[in-house]
Amino acid sequence: MKKLILLIFLFLIFSCKKEEEKRDIINQKVGDWIILNDKKKIPEQIKDFFVASEKDELKIANPNEEFNVTDVVLKPNLPIRQLRLLEKKNEIWRMVYIQGGIGKSYQFYEFKIQGDTISQIKKGYSFENIETNDSLEYYINKGNVKFEKIKIKYRNLD
């Protein structure tokens, strides 16, 4: 009887652990890339970049959180972006998010962050489902990620 109870207990522990591993993909290492996938892990330099380029702070939902996916805003307090991929490799950071609106698109950014400096910024978009680094690399190589020029709006510093 004790062995049966012990087996059931171990089974429950291992099944809970597997479910937790499936849900929590934060800080996984894939190749040399470290997958973070949590909006709290977005560096301040990237947040500052969005303030400069979008004239607004980066309002974004985590991968499994609700967001306004269409241009019909039913819940005004929800962001119009949902994080799909946040990863880093040495000083290079990549971020992919779904942009809500008339047509759902995947927005891609790549940054080099050294200390408090951000440089070598790349920006692109795709209508393909970009959920992993492999799918991102595949669609970039296939030409399905369209790159754009970046416009920064500077404010006067007094």
C-alpha atoms as a PDB file:
ATOM      1  CA  MET A   1       0.000   0.000   0.000  1.00  0.00           C
ATOM      2  CA  LYS A   2       2.835   2.401   0.869  1.00  0.00           C
ATOM      3  CA  LYS A   3       4.508   1.640  -2.469  1.00  0.00           C
ATOM      4  CA  LEU A   4       1.290   2.374  -4.326  1.00  0.00           C
ATOM      5  CA  ILE A   5       0.865   5.704  -2.548  1.00  0.00           C
ATOM      6  CA  LEU A   6       4.516   6.546  -3.236  1.00  0.00           C
ATOM      7  CA  LEU A   7       4.087   5.711  -6.947  1.00  0.00           C
ATOM      8  CA  ILE A   8       0.960   7.867  -7.192  1.00  0.00           C
ATOM      9  CA  PHE A   9       2.751  10.706  -5.400  1.00  0.00           C
ATOM     10  CA  LEU A  10       5.765  10.495  -7.737  1.00  0.00           C
ATOM     11  CA  PHE A  11       3.490  10.318 -10.777  1.00  0.00           C
ATOM     12  CA  LEU A  12       1.690  13.492  -9.684  1.00  0.00           C
ATOM     13  CA  ILE A  13       4.952  15.326  -9.050  1.00  0.00           C
ATOM     14  CA  PHE A  14       6.413  14.406 -12.453  1.00  0.00           C
ATOM     15  CA  SER A  15       3.201  15.163 -14.361  1.00  0.00           C
ATOM     16  CA  CYS A  16       2.956  18.604 -12.700  1.00  0.00           C
ATOM     17  CA  LYS A  17       6.607  19.269 -13.519  1.00  0.00           C
ATOM     18  CA  LYS A  18       6.030  18.408 -17.205  1.00  0.00           C
ATOM     19  CA  GLU A  19       3.034  20.762 -17.426  1.00  0.00           C
ATOM     20  CA  GLU A  20       5.067  23.524 -15.806  1.00  0.00           C
ATOM     21  CA  GLU A  21       7.897  22.970 -18.305  1.00  0.00           C
ATOM     22  CA  LYS A  22       5.443  23.132 -21.222  1.00  0.00           C
ATOM     23  CA  ARG A  23       3.938  26.426 -20.030  1.00  0.00           C
ATOM     24  CA  ASP A  24       7.145  28.098 -18.908  1.00  0.00           C
ATOM     25  CA  ILE A  25       9.491  28.611 -21.828  1.00  0.00           C
ATOM     26  CA  ILE A  26      11.266  31.483 -20.115  1.00  0.00           C
ATOM     27  CA  ASN A  27      15.073  31.337 -20.078  1.00  0.00           C
ATOM     28  CA  GLN A  28      15.352  28.314 -22.357  1.00  0.00           C
ATOM     29  CA  LYS A  29      18.549  28.019 -24.319  1.00  0.00           C
ATOM     30  CA  VAL A  30      18.248  27.106 -27.994  1.00  0.00           C
ATOM     31  CA  GLY A  31      21.640  26.909 -29.638  1.00  0.00           C
ATOM     32  CA  ASP A  32      23.428  30.063 -28.553  1.00  0.00           C
ATOM     33  CA  TRP A  33      20.149  31.993 -28.159  1.00  0.00           C
ATOM     34  CA  ILE A  34      18.583  32.404 -24.732  1.00  0.00           C
ATOM     35  CA  ILE A  35      14.788  32.634 -25.009  1.00  0.00           C
ATOM     36  CA  LEU A  36      13.260  34.985 -22.450  1.00  0.00           C
ATOM     37  CA  ASN A  37       9.650  35.489 -23.746  1.00  0.00           C
ATOM     38  CA  ASP A  38       8.504  37.751 -20.921  1.00  0.00           C
ATOM     39  CA  LYS A  39       7.773  41.460 -21.326  1.00  0.00           C
ATOM     40  CA  LYS A  40       9.438  42.114 -17.959  1.00  0.00           C
ATOM     41  CA  LYS A  41      12.742  40.940 -19.498  1.00  0.00           C
ATOM     42  CA  ILE A  42      12.699  43.577 -22.266  1.00  0.00           C
ATOM     43  CA  PRO A  43      15.736  45.804 -21.648  1.00  0.00           C
ATOM     44  CA  GLU A  44      15.236  49.494 -20.893  1.00  0.00           C
ATOM     45  CA  GLN A  45      17.222  50.406 -24.026  1.00  0.00           C
ATOM     46  CA  ILE A  46      14.585  48.695 -26.192  1.00  0.00           C
ATOM     47  CA  LYS A  47      11.771  50.405 -24.288  1.00  0.00           C
ATOM     48  CA  ASP A  48      13.507  53.758 -24.806  1.00  0.00           C
ATOM     49  CA  PHE A  49      13.854  52.995 -28.512  1.00  0.00           C
ATOM     50  CA  PHE A  50      10.078  52.523 -28.780  1.00  0.00           C
ATOM     51  CA  VAL A  51       9.458  55.829 -27.029  1.00  0.00           C
ATOM     52  CA  ALA A  52      11.747  57.523 -29.593  1.00  0.00           C
ATOM     53  CA  SER A  53      10.409  55.712 -32.655  1.00  0.00           C
ATOM     54  CA  GLU A  54       6.720  55.330 -31.793  1.00  0.00           C
ATOM     55  CA  LYS A  55       6.246  58.407 -29.547  1.00  0.00           C
ATOM     56  CA  ASP A  56       4.785  56.083 -26.946  1.00  0.00           C
ATOM     57  CA  GLU A  57       5.896  53.497 -24.450  1.00  0.00           C
ATOM     58  CA  LEU A  58       6.012  49.847 -25.456  1.00  0.00           C
ATOM     59  CA  LYS A  59       2.633  48.488 -24.405  1.00  0.00           C
ATOM     60  CA  ILE A  60       2.748  44.745 -25.037  1.00  0.00           C
ATOM     61  CA  ALA A  61       1.095  41.591 -23.726  1.00  0.00           C
ATOM     62  CA  ASN A  62       2.985  38.447 -22.820  1.00  0.00           C
ATOM     63  CA  PRO A  63       2.682  35.438 -25.184  1.00  0.00           C
ATOM     64  CA  ASN A  64      -0.366  33.937 -23.464  1.00  0.00           C
ATOM     65  CA  GLU A  65      -2.063  37.185 -22.450  1.00  0.00           C
ATOM     66  CA  GLU A  66      -5.050  38.798 -24.122  1.00  0.00           C
ATOM     67  CA  PHE A  67      -4.537  41.777 -26.468  1.00  0.00           C
ATOM     68  CA  ASN A  68      -6.523  43.754 -29.058  1.00  0.00           C
ATOM     69  CA  VAL A  69      -5.804  41.743 -32.195  1.00  0.00           C
ATOM     70  CA  THR A  70      -7.995  43.774 -34.578  1.00  0.00           C
ATOM     71  CA  ASP A  71      -8.620  47.452 -35.256  1.00  0.00           C
ATOM     72  CA  VAL A  72     -11.929  47.125 -33.376  1.00  0.00           C
ATOM     73  CA  VAL A  73     -10.810  47.953 -29.844  1.00  0.00           C
ATOM     74  CA  LEU A  74     -13.280  46.274 -27.513  1.00  0.00           C
ATOM     75  CA  LYS A  75     -11.060  46.524 -24.443  1.00  0.00           C
ATOM     76  CA  PRO A  76      -9.204  49.863 -24.523  1.00  0.00           C
ATOM     77  CA  ASN A  77      -6.921  48.949 -21.615  1.00  0.00           C
ATOM     78  CA  LEU A  78      -5.385  46.030 -23.505  1.00  0.00           C
ATOM     79  CA  PRO A  79      -2.272  46.537 -25.651  1.00  0.00           C
ATOM     80  CA  ILE A  80      -2.356  46.117 -29.447  1.00  0.00           C
ATOM     81  CA  ARG A  81       0.827  44.017 -29.384  1.00  0.00           C
ATOM     82  CA  GLN A  82       1.530  40.511 -28.121  1.00  0.00           C
ATOM     83  CA  LEU A  83       5.085  39.315 -27.543  1.00  0.00           C
ATOM     84  CA  ARG A  84       5.855  36.127 -29.454  1.00  0.00           C
ATOM     85  CA  LEU A  85       9.651  35.886 -29.184  1.00  0.00           C
ATOM     86  CA  LEU A  86      12.251  37.655 -27.052  1.00  0.00           C
ATOM     87  CA  GLU A  87      15.738  36.238 -27.156  1.00  0.00           C
ATOM     88  CA  LYS A  88      19.358  37.233 -26.795  1.00  0.00           C
ATOM     89  CA  LYS A  89      22.699  35.945 -27.968  1.00  0.00           C
ATOM     90  CA  ASN A  90      25.671  37.764 -26.457  1.00  0.00           C
ATOM     91  CA  GLU A  91      24.927  41.460 -27.198  1.00  0.00           C
ATOM     92  CA  ILE A  92      22.270  40.790 -29.878  1.00  0.00           C
ATOM     93  CA  TRP A  93      18.604  40.914 -28.895  1.00  0.00           C
ATOM     94  CA  ARG A  94      15.683  39.834 -31.081  1.00  0.00           C
ATOM     95  CA  MET A  95      12.050  40.587 -30.495  1.00  0.00           C
ATOM     96  CA  VAL A  96       8.998  39.478 -32.468  1.00  0.00           C
ATOM     97  CA  TYR A  97       5.476  40.514 -31.614  1.00  0.00           C
ATOM     98  CA  ILE A  98       2.042  40.320 -33.191  1.00  0.00           C
ATOM     99  CA  GLN A  99       0.728  43.747 -34.130  1.00  0.00           C
ATOM    100  CA  GLY A 100      -3.039  44.037 -34.006  1.00  0.00           C
ATOM    101  CA  GLY A 101      -4.973  46.207 -36.427  1.00  0.00           C
ATOM    102  CA  ILE A 102      -6.700  45.851 -39.785  1.00  0.00           C
ATOM    103  CA  GLY A 103      -4.418  42.939 -40.640  1.00  0.00           C
ATOM    104  CA  LYS A 104      -2.518  40.916 -38.073  1.00  0.00           C
ATOM    105  CA  SER A 105       1.236  41.007 -38.724  1.00  0.00           C
ATOM    106  CA  TYR A 106       4.400  39.849 -37.050  1.00  0.00           C
ATOM    107  CA  GLN A 107       6.855  42.666 -36.302  1.00  0.00           C
ATOM    108  CA  PHE A 108      10.555  41.835 -36.013  1.00  0.00           C
ATOM    109  CA  TYR A 109      13.329  43.854 -34.378  1.00  0.00           C
ATOM    110  CA  GLU A 110      16.980  43.085 -33.813  1.00  0.00           C
ATOM    111  CA  PHE A 111      19.221  45.239 -31.609  1.00  0.00           C
ATOM    112  CA  LYS A 112      22.802  45.255 -30.421  1.00  0.00           C
ATOM    113  CA  ILE A 113      22.981  46.389 -26.803  1.00  0.00           C
ATOM    114  CA  GLN A 114      26.313  47.308 -25.232  1.00  0.00           C
ATOM    115  CA  GLY A 115      25.959  48.823 -21.777  1.00  0.00           C
ATOM    116  CA  ASP A 116      23.359  51.573 -22.116  1.00  0.00           C
ATOM    117  CA  THR A 117      23.897  51.919 -25.881  1.00  0.00           C
ATOM    118  CA  ILE A 118      21.613  50.419 -28.507  1.00  0.00           C
ATOM    119  CA  SER A 119      22.817  50.111 -32.120  1.00  0.00           C
ATOM    120  CA  GLN A 120      22.607  48.063 -35.321  1.00  0.00           C
ATOM    121  CA  ILE A 121      18.817  48.147 -35.256  1.00  0.00           C
ATOM    122  CA  LYS A 122      16.934  46.074 -37.828  1.00  0.00           C
ATOM    123  CA  LYS A 123      13.178  46.286 -38.291  1.00  0.00           C
ATOM    124  CA  GLY A 124      10.944  44.065 -40.397  1.00  0.00           C
ATOM    125  CA  TYR A 125       7.490  42.584 -40.660  1.00  0.00           C
ATOM    126  CA  SER A 126       5.846  39.458 -42.013  1.00  0.00           C
ATOM    127  CA  PHE A 127       2.415  37.937 -42.315  1.00  0.00           C
ATOM    128  CA  GLU A 128       3.885  34.484 -41.589  1.00  0.00           C
ATOM    129  CA  ASN A 129       3.602  32.902 -38.143  1.00  0.00           C
ATOM    130  CA  ILE A 130       6.920  33.657 -36.485  1.00  0.00           C
ATOM    131  CA  GLU A 131       6.927  31.889 -33.147  1.00  0.00           C
ATOM    132  CA  THR A 132      10.482  30.518 -32.838  1.00  0.00           C
ATOM    133  CA  ASN A 133      14.010  31.474 -33.814  1.00  0.00           C
ATOM    134  CA  ASP A 134      13.974  28.691 -36.439  1.00  0.00           C
ATOM    135  CA  SER A 135      10.821  30.076 -38.079  1.00  0.00           C
ATOM    136  CA  LEU A 136      12.289  33.597 -37.941  1.00  0.00           C
ATOM    137  CA  GLU A 137      15.508  32.464 -39.657  1.00  0.00           C
ATOM    138  CA  TYR A 138      13.508  30.461 -42.215  1.00  0.00           C
ATOM    139  CA  TYR A 139      11.277  33.394 -43.220  1.00  0.00           C
ATOM    140  CA  ILE A 140      14.202  35.844 -43.314  1.00  0.00           C
ATOM    141  CA  ASN A 141      16.144  33.516 -45.629  1.00  0.00           C
ATOM    142  CA  LYS A 142      13.046  32.894 -47.754  1.00  0.00           C
ATOM    143  CA  GLY A 143      12.493  36.651 -48.127  1.00  0.00           C
ATOM    144  CA  ASN A 144       9.162  36.655 -46.274  1.00  0.00           C
ATOM    145  CA  VAL A 145      10.356  39.228 -43.734  1.00  0.00           C
ATOM    146  CA  LYS A 146      10.184  42.671 -45.318  1.00  0.00           C
ATOM    147  CA  PHE A 147      12.725  45.082 -43.841  1.00  0.00           C
ATOM    148  CA  GLU A 148      11.923  48.757 -43.278  1.00  0.00           C
ATOM    149  CA  LYS A 149      13.812  51.950 -42.586  1.00  0.00           C
ATOM    150  CA  ILE A 150      13.663  53.139 -39.002  1.00  0.00           C
ATOM    151  CA  LYS A 151      12.479  56.649 -38.232  1.00  0.00           C
ATOM    152  CA  ILE A 152      13.444  58.139 -34.905  1.00  0.00           C
ATOM    153  CA  LYS A 153      11.634  61.184 -33.558  1.00  0.00           C
ATOM    154  CA  TYR A 154      14.021  63.234 -31.444  1.00  0.00           C
ATOM    155  CA  ARG A 155      12.836  65.651 -28.829  1.00  0.00           C
ATOM    156  CA  ASN A 156      14.726  68.755 -27.814  1.00  0.00           C
ATOM    157  CA  LEU A 157      16.972  68.275 -24.840  1.00  0.00           C
ATOM    158  CA  ASP A 158      17.277  71.386 -22.644  1.00  0.00           C
END
